[in-house]
N, C-alpha and C. Protein backbone atom coordinates (compact mmCIF):
# COMPACT_ATOMS: atom_id res chain seq x y z
N MET A 1 -26.48 -0.01 19.93
CA MET A 1 -25.67 -1.63 19.52
C MET A 1 -24.63 -0.85 18.55
N THR A 2 -23.34 -1.49 18.81
CA THR A 2 -22.29 -1.05 17.94
C THR A 2 -21.94 -1.94 16.66
N ARG A 3 -22.03 -1.05 15.58
CA ARG A 3 -21.81 -1.81 14.45
C ARG A 3 -20.48 -2.30 14.33
N THR A 4 -20.29 -3.53 13.62
CA THR A 4 -18.96 -4.34 13.60
C THR A 4 -18.79 -4.31 12.14
N VAL A 5 -17.31 -4.70 11.89
CA VAL A 5 -16.78 -5.05 10.69
C VAL A 5 -15.75 -6.09 10.74
N LYS A 6 -15.55 -6.71 9.60
CA LYS A 6 -14.57 -7.42 9.41
C LYS A 6 -13.35 -6.52 8.58
N CYS A 7 -12.46 -6.19 9.90
CA CYS A 7 -11.65 -5.33 9.46
C CYS A 7 -10.44 -5.76 8.45
N ALA A 8 -10.41 -5.05 7.58
CA ALA A 8 -9.52 -5.47 6.39
C ALA A 8 -7.84 -5.31 6.48
N ARG A 9 -7.81 -4.46 7.71
CA ARG A 9 -6.37 -4.33 7.99
C ARG A 9 -5.92 -5.16 9.28
N LEU A 10 -6.57 -5.47 10.26
CA LEU A 10 -6.61 -6.29 11.31
C LEU A 10 -7.15 -7.72 11.12
N GLY A 11 -8.02 -8.09 10.24
CA GLY A 11 -8.63 -9.29 10.05
C GLY A 11 -9.33 -9.92 11.04
N GLU A 12 -10.17 -8.85 11.87
CA GLU A 12 -10.94 -9.72 12.81
C GLU A 12 -12.04 -8.72 12.83
N GLU A 13 -13.17 -9.25 13.50
CA GLU A 13 -14.45 -8.50 13.60
C GLU A 13 -14.40 -7.73 14.64
N LEU A 14 -14.57 -6.26 14.10
CA LEU A 14 -14.21 -5.23 15.33
C LEU A 14 -15.30 -4.22 15.35
N PRO A 15 -15.57 -3.37 16.18
CA PRO A 15 -16.27 -2.27 16.11
C PRO A 15 -15.85 -1.29 14.95
N GLY A 16 -16.85 -0.84 14.02
CA GLY A 16 -16.70 -0.15 13.07
C GLY A 16 -16.82 1.28 13.48
N LEU A 17 -16.36 2.23 12.31
CA LEU A 17 -16.42 3.73 12.77
C LEU A 17 -17.79 3.95 12.75
N PRO A 18 -18.11 5.22 13.41
CA PRO A 18 -19.60 5.48 13.54
C PRO A 18 -20.19 6.17 12.30
N TYR A 19 -19.22 6.67 11.45
CA TYR A 19 -19.67 7.36 10.15
C TYR A 19 -18.47 7.42 9.13
N PRO A 20 -18.58 7.53 7.97
CA PRO A 20 -17.47 7.72 6.91
C PRO A 20 -16.57 8.76 7.34
N PRO A 21 -15.27 8.56 7.35
CA PRO A 21 -14.22 9.75 7.63
C PRO A 21 -14.17 10.58 6.82
N PHE A 22 -14.57 10.59 5.41
CA PHE A 22 -14.78 11.60 4.71
C PHE A 22 -15.67 11.27 3.56
N LYS A 23 -15.95 11.98 2.53
CA LYS A 23 -16.80 11.81 1.38
C LYS A 23 -16.40 11.18 0.35
N GLY A 24 -17.18 10.22 -0.39
CA GLY A 24 -16.56 9.77 -1.47
C GLY A 24 -16.62 8.29 -1.37
N ASP A 25 -15.75 7.54 -2.35
CA ASP A 25 -15.64 6.09 -2.64
C ASP A 25 -14.71 5.46 -1.47
N LEU A 26 -13.62 6.37 -1.46
CA LEU A 26 -12.59 5.90 -0.34
C LEU A 26 -13.38 5.82 1.13
N GLY A 27 -13.74 6.99 1.29
CA GLY A 27 -14.53 7.13 2.67
C GLY A 27 -15.56 6.10 3.12
N ARG A 28 -16.38 5.64 2.01
CA ARG A 28 -17.29 4.66 1.99
C ARG A 28 -16.72 3.29 2.22
N ARG A 29 -15.69 3.23 1.40
CA ARG A 29 -14.71 1.67 1.66
C ARG A 29 -14.22 1.65 2.92
N ILE A 30 -13.70 2.87 3.56
CA ILE A 30 -12.96 2.63 4.70
C ILE A 30 -14.12 2.37 6.01
N PHE A 31 -15.19 2.91 5.65
CA PHE A 31 -16.45 2.95 6.56
C PHE A 31 -16.92 1.53 6.70
N GLU A 32 -17.01 0.87 5.50
CA GLU A 32 -17.53 -0.49 5.27
C GLU A 32 -16.36 -1.52 5.82
N ASN A 33 -15.10 -1.28 5.74
CA ASN A 33 -14.25 -2.35 5.87
C ASN A 33 -12.98 -1.97 6.92
N ILE A 34 -13.21 -1.06 7.43
CA ILE A 34 -12.08 -0.48 8.67
C ILE A 34 -12.50 -0.43 9.97
N SER A 35 -11.85 -1.04 10.59
CA SER A 35 -12.32 -0.77 12.14
C SER A 35 -11.92 0.50 12.96
N GLU A 36 -12.68 0.87 13.85
CA GLU A 36 -12.07 2.12 14.75
C GLU A 36 -10.80 1.85 15.05
N LYS A 37 -10.43 0.76 15.76
CA LYS A 37 -9.07 0.65 16.12
C LYS A 37 -7.95 0.62 14.98
N ALA A 38 -8.32 0.24 13.69
CA ALA A 38 -7.37 0.43 12.77
C ALA A 38 -7.33 1.92 12.26
N TRP A 39 -8.56 2.44 12.28
CA TRP A 39 -8.61 3.89 11.90
C TRP A 39 -7.64 4.72 12.81
N LYS A 40 -7.66 4.43 14.21
CA LYS A 40 -6.89 5.05 15.22
C LYS A 40 -5.60 4.96 15.01
N GLU A 41 -5.10 3.60 14.63
CA GLU A 41 -3.90 3.46 14.19
C GLU A 41 -3.17 4.09 13.09
N TRP A 42 -4.08 4.42 12.11
CA TRP A 42 -3.80 5.14 10.74
C TRP A 42 -3.45 6.68 11.36
N LEU A 43 -4.43 7.33 12.23
CA LEU A 43 -4.33 8.44 12.66
C LEU A 43 -2.86 8.82 13.21
N GLY A 44 -2.40 7.89 14.00
CA GLY A 44 -1.15 8.20 14.51
C GLY A 44 0.20 7.73 13.50
N HIS A 45 -0.28 6.86 12.61
CA HIS A 45 0.80 6.91 11.39
C HIS A 45 0.92 8.14 10.44
N SER A 46 -0.21 8.48 10.21
CA SER A 46 -0.39 9.77 9.23
C SER A 46 0.31 10.92 9.95
N THR A 47 0.28 11.27 11.34
CA THR A 47 0.99 12.21 12.05
C THR A 47 2.43 11.98 11.82
N MET A 48 2.92 10.78 11.94
CA MET A 48 4.14 10.25 11.78
C MET A 48 4.65 11.01 10.30
N VAL A 49 3.99 10.44 9.13
CA VAL A 49 4.18 10.60 7.85
C VAL A 49 4.07 12.31 7.55
N ILE A 50 3.22 13.01 7.95
CA ILE A 50 3.24 14.19 7.83
C ILE A 50 4.49 15.02 8.39
N ASN A 51 4.77 14.81 9.68
CA ASN A 51 6.09 15.24 10.23
C ASN A 51 7.39 14.96 9.74
N GLU A 52 7.47 13.53 9.40
CA GLU A 52 8.67 13.10 8.77
C GLU A 52 8.93 13.66 7.44
N ASN A 53 7.91 13.90 6.50
CA ASN A 53 7.87 14.20 5.36
C ASN A 53 7.54 15.81 5.11
N ARG A 54 7.50 16.36 6.37
CA ARG A 54 7.31 17.82 6.39
C ARG A 54 6.12 18.15 5.26
N LEU A 55 4.99 17.50 5.51
CA LEU A 55 4.00 17.61 4.39
C LEU A 55 2.93 18.64 4.94
N ASN A 56 2.41 19.56 4.25
CA ASN A 56 1.32 20.48 4.50
C ASN A 56 0.18 19.96 3.96
N PRO A 57 -0.90 19.49 4.78
CA PRO A 57 -2.08 18.70 4.51
C PRO A 57 -2.92 19.58 3.59
N SER A 58 -2.55 20.76 3.42
CA SER A 58 -3.72 21.68 2.76
C SER A 58 -3.26 21.73 1.26
N GLU A 59 -1.82 21.09 0.95
CA GLU A 59 -1.14 21.07 -0.36
C GLU A 59 -1.83 19.92 -1.00
N PRO A 60 -2.39 19.88 -2.34
CA PRO A 60 -2.64 19.13 -3.03
C PRO A 60 -1.64 17.82 -3.34
N ALA A 61 -0.46 18.16 -3.38
CA ALA A 61 0.57 17.28 -3.60
C ALA A 61 0.71 16.54 -2.09
N ALA A 62 0.67 17.01 -1.19
CA ALA A 62 0.76 16.30 0.23
C ALA A 62 -0.64 15.49 0.43
N GLN A 63 -1.82 15.97 -0.08
CA GLN A 63 -2.89 15.12 0.17
C GLN A 63 -2.89 13.76 -0.55
N LYS A 64 -2.15 13.95 -1.92
CA LYS A 64 -1.91 12.79 -2.70
C LYS A 64 -1.18 11.77 -2.01
N VAL A 65 -0.02 12.33 -1.48
CA VAL A 65 0.94 11.34 -0.71
C VAL A 65 0.17 10.79 0.48
N LEU A 66 -0.44 11.40 1.30
CA LEU A 66 -1.28 11.00 2.32
C LEU A 66 -2.04 9.85 2.04
N GLN A 67 -3.20 10.16 0.58
CA GLN A 67 -3.91 9.37 0.31
C GLN A 67 -3.25 7.92 -0.03
N GLU A 68 -2.23 7.98 -0.59
CA GLU A 68 -1.41 6.86 -1.10
C GLU A 68 -1.14 5.72 0.12
N GLN A 69 -0.47 6.78 1.15
CA GLN A 69 0.02 6.13 2.28
C GLN A 69 -1.36 5.38 3.01
N LEU A 70 -2.46 6.11 2.98
CA LEU A 70 -3.47 5.68 3.67
C LEU A 70 -4.04 4.45 2.96
N GLU A 71 -4.12 4.35 1.83
CA GLU A 71 -4.41 3.01 1.25
C GLU A 71 -3.61 2.03 1.36
N ALA A 72 -2.39 2.34 1.39
CA ALA A 72 -1.38 1.09 1.49
C ALA A 72 -1.47 0.75 3.10
N PHE A 73 -1.58 1.89 4.07
CA PHE A 73 -1.55 1.46 5.34
C PHE A 73 -2.64 0.47 5.73
N LEU A 74 -4.01 0.96 5.28
CA LEU A 74 -5.20 0.28 5.79
C LEU A 74 -5.72 -0.93 4.53
N PHE A 75 -5.26 -0.93 3.50
CA PHE A 75 -5.68 -2.29 2.63
C PHE A 75 -4.41 -2.74 1.96
N GLY A 76 -3.39 -2.41 2.17
CA GLY A 76 -2.25 -3.00 1.19
C GLY A 76 -1.14 -3.51 1.94
N GLY A 77 -1.53 -3.88 3.23
CA GLY A 77 -0.47 -4.47 4.11
C GLY A 77 0.47 -3.67 5.06
N GLY A 78 0.04 -2.43 5.07
CA GLY A 78 1.10 -1.45 5.56
C GLY A 78 1.67 -0.42 4.63
N ALA A 79 2.14 0.76 5.11
CA ALA A 79 2.82 1.59 4.51
C ALA A 79 4.12 1.79 4.99
N ALA A 80 5.18 2.16 3.89
CA ALA A 80 6.57 2.08 4.53
C ALA A 80 6.73 3.36 5.42
N LYS A 81 7.84 3.26 6.41
CA LYS A 81 8.17 4.43 7.03
C LYS A 81 9.21 5.21 6.25
N PRO A 82 8.98 6.52 6.45
CA PRO A 82 9.84 7.55 5.60
C PRO A 82 11.51 6.97 5.78
N GLN A 83 12.14 7.26 4.71
CA GLN A 83 13.48 6.96 4.74
C GLN A 83 14.28 7.91 5.59
N GLY A 84 14.94 7.06 6.84
CA GLY A 84 15.58 7.79 7.87
C GLY A 84 14.65 7.91 9.15
N TYR A 85 13.53 7.26 9.20
CA TYR A 85 12.71 7.56 10.08
C TYR A 85 13.37 6.94 11.28
N VAL A 86 13.35 7.23 12.40
CA VAL A 86 13.80 6.97 13.75
C VAL A 86 12.65 7.04 14.91
N PRO A 87 11.90 6.07 15.50
CA PRO A 87 10.91 5.98 16.20
C PRO A 87 11.26 6.79 17.45
N PRO A 88 10.31 7.48 17.98
CA PRO A 88 10.80 8.47 19.35
C PRO A 88 10.96 7.30 20.59
N SER A 89 11.95 7.80 21.09
CA SER A 89 12.44 7.13 22.41
C SER A 89 11.36 7.11 23.65
N LYS A 90 11.31 6.29 24.50
CA LYS A 90 10.27 6.31 25.44
C LYS A 90 11.00 6.55 26.74
């Protein structure tokens, strides 16, 4: 049986993540309050943030930016797109 959560981002009762995405309080908070669907949206958004800002995720400064963006995206009503961002054409 799939575990469901009241998703803080999408405002609906949806299937939750099967396990916390990482250790610590933030990982537990995401596990308890974010749906699998919203997490997948974050993964796509994080790729855009990394590419547009030319971040190296192994660097502490980039990890700080990503964590701030993650919290804003999942819990704070959305994260801002980088300045000058142009969505890919289809």
